Amino acid sequence: MGRAKGFFITGTDTGVGKTIAAAAIIRLLMGNGTKAFGMKPIETGCKASIYGDLLPEDGMILKEVAGMKEDIREIVPYPFRTPVAPLVASREEGKEINIEVIKERFDALLKKYDAGIVEGAGGLLVPVKKDFFMLDLAKELNLPILIVSPNRLGTLNHTLLTARYALDHGAEVAGIIMNTPNPGGAGVAEKTNTDVLKELSPVPVIGELPYIEDICNESLAAIAQKGIDSGALAGHI
């Protein structure tokens, strides 16, 4: 079976800018005439609305950016309140994660759109179930991986580990997107990380995003067009 059209967005850690990168890619694809959907199969740390249901913030952002009309439960099948890894949240809240349900929701969306941008939780070895990790979910959905790496001190080690682990375990890695997680001046690490990764990484660096304060602003498409190599994405769409 061939690859599904789209990407699985992972990070070198939590809080590195996966949602920003996913939103930017969605807008980039839409600007190039590709009808793309966003999905975050599992989101932890969700807050309750005034009605008591959980509101997955990242999933809502992807829904808004992609202009999706689907119910949020189709986009985020498994929201959890506890801000921990999915395996732990699932145990704490007594709600089992069914991988087949995630695959069914993904396949249903893929029938209505040209490509899917699926955001994982944390990094590739974040546990979803016992002996099942985010990397396994990417492989189950049959999507190539895009690694989001924060441009800060320490990212060389984390990024190279992530890329090599994915490749060593049979995953396709489409590339790395560097994200600027904080505003302000840049030190030596921030000024050199991208070039060093281009030199050392077994997968290409295909983009670099500046600090983005408003993830849903109208200029996101222009930022993505400037910062991400759309040609590197085209082969997977």
Protein backbone atom coordinates (compact mmCIF):
# COMPACT_ATOMS: atom_id res chain seq x y z
CA MET A 1 0.00 0.00 0.00
CA GLY A 2 1.32 3.46 -0.92
CA ARG A 3 1.87 6.30 1.48
CA ALA A 4 -1.13 8.35 2.57
CA LYS A 5 -1.01 11.92 1.30
CA GLY A 6 0.17 14.30 3.98
CA PHE A 7 2.52 14.37 6.93
CA PHE A 8 2.80 13.30 10.55
CA ILE A 9 4.18 16.23 12.55
CA THR A 10 6.40 15.25 15.45
CA GLY A 11 8.74 17.23 17.66
CA THR A 12 12.04 16.76 19.40
CA ASP A 13 10.13 17.42 22.64
CA THR A 14 6.88 18.94 23.84
CA GLY A 15 6.30 22.66 23.39
CA VAL A 16 8.61 23.04 20.39
CA GLY A 17 6.06 24.47 17.97
CA LYS A 18 4.39 21.47 16.32
CA THR A 19 1.02 23.20 16.10
CA ILE A 20 2.61 26.30 14.59
CA ALA A 21 4.40 24.20 11.98
CA ALA A 22 1.27 22.13 11.25
CA ALA A 23 -0.82 25.29 10.80
CA ALA A 24 1.83 26.83 8.55
CA ILE A 25 1.96 23.72 6.36
CA ILE A 26 -1.83 23.62 6.09
CA ARG A 27 -1.92 27.26 4.96
CA LEU A 28 0.97 26.66 2.55
CA LEU A 29 -0.78 23.70 0.95
CA MET A 30 -4.09 25.55 0.76
CA GLY A 31 -2.35 28.47 -0.91
CA ASN A 32 -0.99 26.08 -3.52
CA GLY A 33 -4.46 24.69 -4.25
CA THR A 34 -4.35 21.60 -2.02
CA LYS A 35 -7.37 21.03 0.20
CA ALA A 36 -5.71 20.00 3.49
CA PHE A 37 -7.16 18.97 6.82
CA GLY A 38 -5.63 19.07 10.27
CA MET A 39 -5.91 16.36 12.89
CA LYS A 40 -4.55 15.86 16.38
CA PRO A 41 -5.61 12.32 17.32
CA ILE A 42 -4.69 12.67 20.99
CA GLU A 43 -4.46 15.90 22.96
CA THR A 44 -3.74 16.05 26.68
CA GLY A 45 -3.94 19.02 29.02
CA CYS A 46 -7.34 20.09 27.67
CA LYS A 47 -9.42 22.53 29.67
CA ALA A 48 -13.14 22.13 30.27
CA SER A 49 -15.64 24.50 28.67
CA ILE A 50 -18.54 26.06 30.57
CA TYR A 51 -20.57 23.06 29.42
CA GLY A 52 -18.13 20.60 30.95
CA ASP A 53 -16.77 19.08 27.73
CA LEU A 54 -13.04 19.21 27.02
CA LEU A 55 -11.71 21.77 24.55
CA PRO A 56 -8.56 20.62 22.74
CA GLU A 57 -6.84 23.95 22.01
CA ASP A 58 -4.36 22.64 19.43
CA GLY A 59 -7.07 20.74 17.61
CA MET A 60 -9.27 23.83 17.52
CA ILE A 61 -6.41 25.82 15.99
CA LEU A 62 -5.92 23.24 13.25
CA LYS A 63 -9.66 23.17 12.60
CA GLU A 64 -9.78 26.97 12.27
CA VAL A 65 -6.66 27.27 10.12
CA ALA A 66 -7.91 24.58 7.71
CA GLY A 67 -11.46 26.00 7.66
CA MET A 68 -12.88 22.62 8.62
CA LYS A 69 -16.60 22.15 9.27
CA GLU A 70 -16.25 18.78 10.97
CA ASP A 71 -17.02 18.36 14.65
CA ILE A 72 -13.92 18.69 16.83
CA ARG A 73 -14.37 15.07 17.91
CA GLU A 74 -13.54 14.01 14.35
CA ILE A 75 -10.34 16.04 14.52
CA VAL A 76 -9.36 15.11 18.10
CA PRO A 77 -10.86 11.69 18.87
CA TYR A 78 -9.13 11.48 22.26
CA PRO A 79 -8.98 14.65 24.39
CA PHE A 80 -7.72 14.32 27.97
CA ARG A 81 -7.65 16.76 30.85
CA THR A 82 -4.41 15.51 32.46
CA PRO A 83 -1.29 17.23 31.00
CA VAL A 84 0.87 14.12 30.66
CA ALA A 85 1.75 11.52 28.03
CA PRO A 86 -1.29 9.85 26.42
CA LEU A 87 -0.59 6.49 28.07
CA VAL A 88 -0.61 8.10 31.52
CA ALA A 89 -3.62 10.34 30.81
CA SER A 90 -5.53 7.34 29.52
CA ARG A 91 -4.85 5.40 32.71
CA GLU A 92 -5.55 8.36 34.99
CA GLU A 93 -8.90 9.11 33.37
CA GLY A 94 -9.97 5.54 32.65
CA LYS A 95 -10.43 6.11 28.91
CA GLU A 96 -8.75 3.62 26.61
CA ILE A 97 -7.17 4.82 23.37
CA ASN A 98 -8.28 2.73 20.40
CA ILE A 99 -5.85 3.00 17.49
CA GLU A 100 -8.45 1.65 15.06
CA VAL A 101 -10.77 4.54 15.92
CA ILE A 102 -7.99 7.01 15.11
CA LYS A 103 -7.31 5.28 11.80
CA GLU A 104 -11.02 5.30 10.92
CA ARG A 105 -11.34 9.04 11.65
CA PHE A 106 -8.19 9.73 9.62
CA ASP A 107 -9.37 7.66 6.65
CA ALA A 108 -12.79 9.33 6.73
CA LEU A 109 -11.20 12.78 6.57
CA LEU A 110 -8.76 11.73 3.86
CA LYS A 111 -11.70 10.78 1.63
CA LYS A 112 -12.93 14.39 1.76
CA TYR A 113 -9.58 16.20 1.49
CA ASP A 114 -6.49 16.07 -0.68
CA ALA A 115 -4.01 15.67 2.19
CA GLY A 116 -3.85 15.33 5.96
CA ILE A 117 -1.58 17.07 8.43
CA VAL A 118 -1.58 15.01 11.61
CA GLU A 119 0.03 16.44 14.73
CA GLY A 120 1.39 14.00 17.26
CA ALA A 121 1.86 14.57 20.98
CA GLY A 122 5.41 15.40 22.04
CA GLY A 123 8.13 13.32 20.38
CA LEU A 124 8.35 9.94 18.70
CA LEU A 125 8.84 7.92 21.88
CA VAL A 126 5.90 9.43 23.76
CA PRO A 127 3.88 6.37 24.81
CA VAL A 128 0.31 6.03 23.55
CA LYS A 129 -0.36 2.54 24.90
CA LYS A 130 1.89 -0.11 26.41
CA ASP A 131 4.49 -0.94 23.75
CA PHE A 132 2.93 1.54 21.29
CA PHE A 133 4.48 4.95 20.71
CA MET A 134 3.92 8.05 18.56
CA LEU A 135 6.30 6.62 15.97
CA ASP A 136 4.05 3.57 15.72
CA LEU A 137 1.03 5.82 15.18
CA ALA A 138 2.77 7.61 12.31
CA LYS A 139 3.53 4.24 10.73
CA GLU A 140 -0.03 3.00 11.26
CA LEU A 141 -1.37 6.08 9.47
CA ASN A 142 1.18 5.44 6.72
CA LEU A 143 2.42 9.03 6.76
CA PRO A 144 5.94 10.40 6.26
CA ILE A 145 7.26 12.29 9.26
CA LEU A 146 8.18 15.95 9.55
CA ILE A 147 10.32 16.78 12.59
CA VAL A 148 9.78 20.18 14.24
CA SER A 149 12.94 21.31 15.99
CA PRO A 150 13.17 24.41 18.21
CA ASN A 151 16.02 26.72 17.32
CA ARG A 152 17.72 26.87 20.70
CA LEU A 153 20.64 25.41 22.60
CA GLY A 154 20.47 21.59 22.75
CA THR A 155 18.52 21.10 19.57
CA LEU A 156 21.36 19.44 17.63
CA ASN A 157 21.39 16.41 19.90
CA HIS A 158 17.61 16.12 20.13
CA THR A 159 17.05 16.55 16.41
CA LEU A 160 19.73 14.12 15.28
CA LEU A 161 18.53 11.52 17.78
CA THR A 162 14.94 11.88 16.56
CA ALA A 163 15.83 11.66 12.87
CA ARG A 164 18.15 8.69 13.25
CA TYR A 165 15.76 6.80 15.52
CA ALA A 166 12.91 7.23 13.04
CA LEU A 167 15.03 6.05 10.12
CA ASP A 168 16.47 3.14 12.08
CA HIS A 169 12.93 1.97 12.84
CA GLY A 170 11.70 2.00 9.29
CA ALA A 171 9.91 5.33 9.13
CA GLU A 172 10.09 7.75 6.23
CA VAL A 173 11.26 11.19 7.31
CA ALA A 174 10.43 13.95 4.85
CA GLY A 175 12.53 16.54 6.63
CA ILE A 176 13.10 18.94 9.49
CA ILE A 177 11.44 22.30 10.10
CA MET A 178 13.26 24.65 12.44
CA ASN A 179 10.96 26.79 14.58
CA THR A 180 11.81 29.89 16.60
CA PRO A 181 9.94 29.33 19.89
CA ASN A 182 10.79 32.61 21.60
CA PRO A 183 11.12 36.26 20.57
CA GLY A 184 14.28 38.25 21.19
CA GLY A 185 17.92 38.11 20.23
CA ALA A 186 19.75 35.03 19.02
CA GLY A 187 22.93 33.57 20.48
CA VAL A 188 25.58 31.49 18.77
CA ALA A 189 23.47 28.31 18.94
CA GLU A 190 20.45 29.94 17.33
CA LYS A 191 22.60 31.46 14.59
CA THR A 192 24.33 28.20 13.69
CA ASN A 193 21.85 25.37 14.43
CA THR A 194 20.23 25.29 11.00
CA ASP A 195 23.49 25.21 9.04
CA VAL A 196 24.99 22.55 11.30
CA LEU A 197 21.90 20.36 10.94
CA LYS A 198 22.06 20.75 7.16
CA GLU A 199 25.61 19.47 7.39
CA LEU A 200 25.07 16.58 9.80
CA SER A 201 21.46 15.43 9.54
CA PRO A 202 20.56 12.28 7.58
CA VAL A 203 17.36 14.04 6.45
CA PRO A 204 17.01 17.50 4.87
CA VAL A 205 16.15 20.72 6.67
CA ILE A 206 13.24 21.94 4.55
CA GLY A 207 12.17 25.04 6.42
CA GLU A 208 12.78 27.63 9.09
CA LEU A 209 9.98 29.58 10.78
CA PRO A 210 10.37 32.85 12.68
CA TYR A 211 8.71 33.50 16.01
CA ILE A 212 4.96 33.66 15.35
CA GLU A 213 2.87 35.36 18.02
CA ASP A 214 -0.58 34.83 16.48
CA ILE A 215 -0.85 31.39 14.95
CA CYS A 216 -4.14 32.16 13.20
CA ASN A 217 -3.15 35.46 11.61
CA GLU A 218 -3.74 36.11 7.95
CA SER A 219 -0.03 36.42 7.19
CA LEU A 220 0.67 32.80 8.17
CA ALA A 221 0.43 31.66 4.55
CA ALA A 222 3.00 34.24 3.47
CA ILE A 223 5.30 33.28 6.36
CA ALA A 224 5.01 29.61 5.40
CA GLN A 225 5.62 30.36 1.72
CA LYS A 226 8.80 32.19 2.61
CA GLY A 227 10.06 29.80 5.27
CA ILE A 228 9.17 26.31 4.00
CA ASP A 229 10.31 24.64 0.80
CA SER A 230 7.00 23.72 -0.82
CA GLY A 231 8.85 21.67 -3.42
CA ALA A 232 10.08 19.34 -0.67
CA LEU A 233 6.48 18.73 0.36
CA ALA A 234 5.11 18.20 -3.14
CA GLY A 235 6.30 14.63 -3.50
CA HIS A 236 4.11 13.55 -0.58
CA ILE A 237 0.89 15.25 -1.67
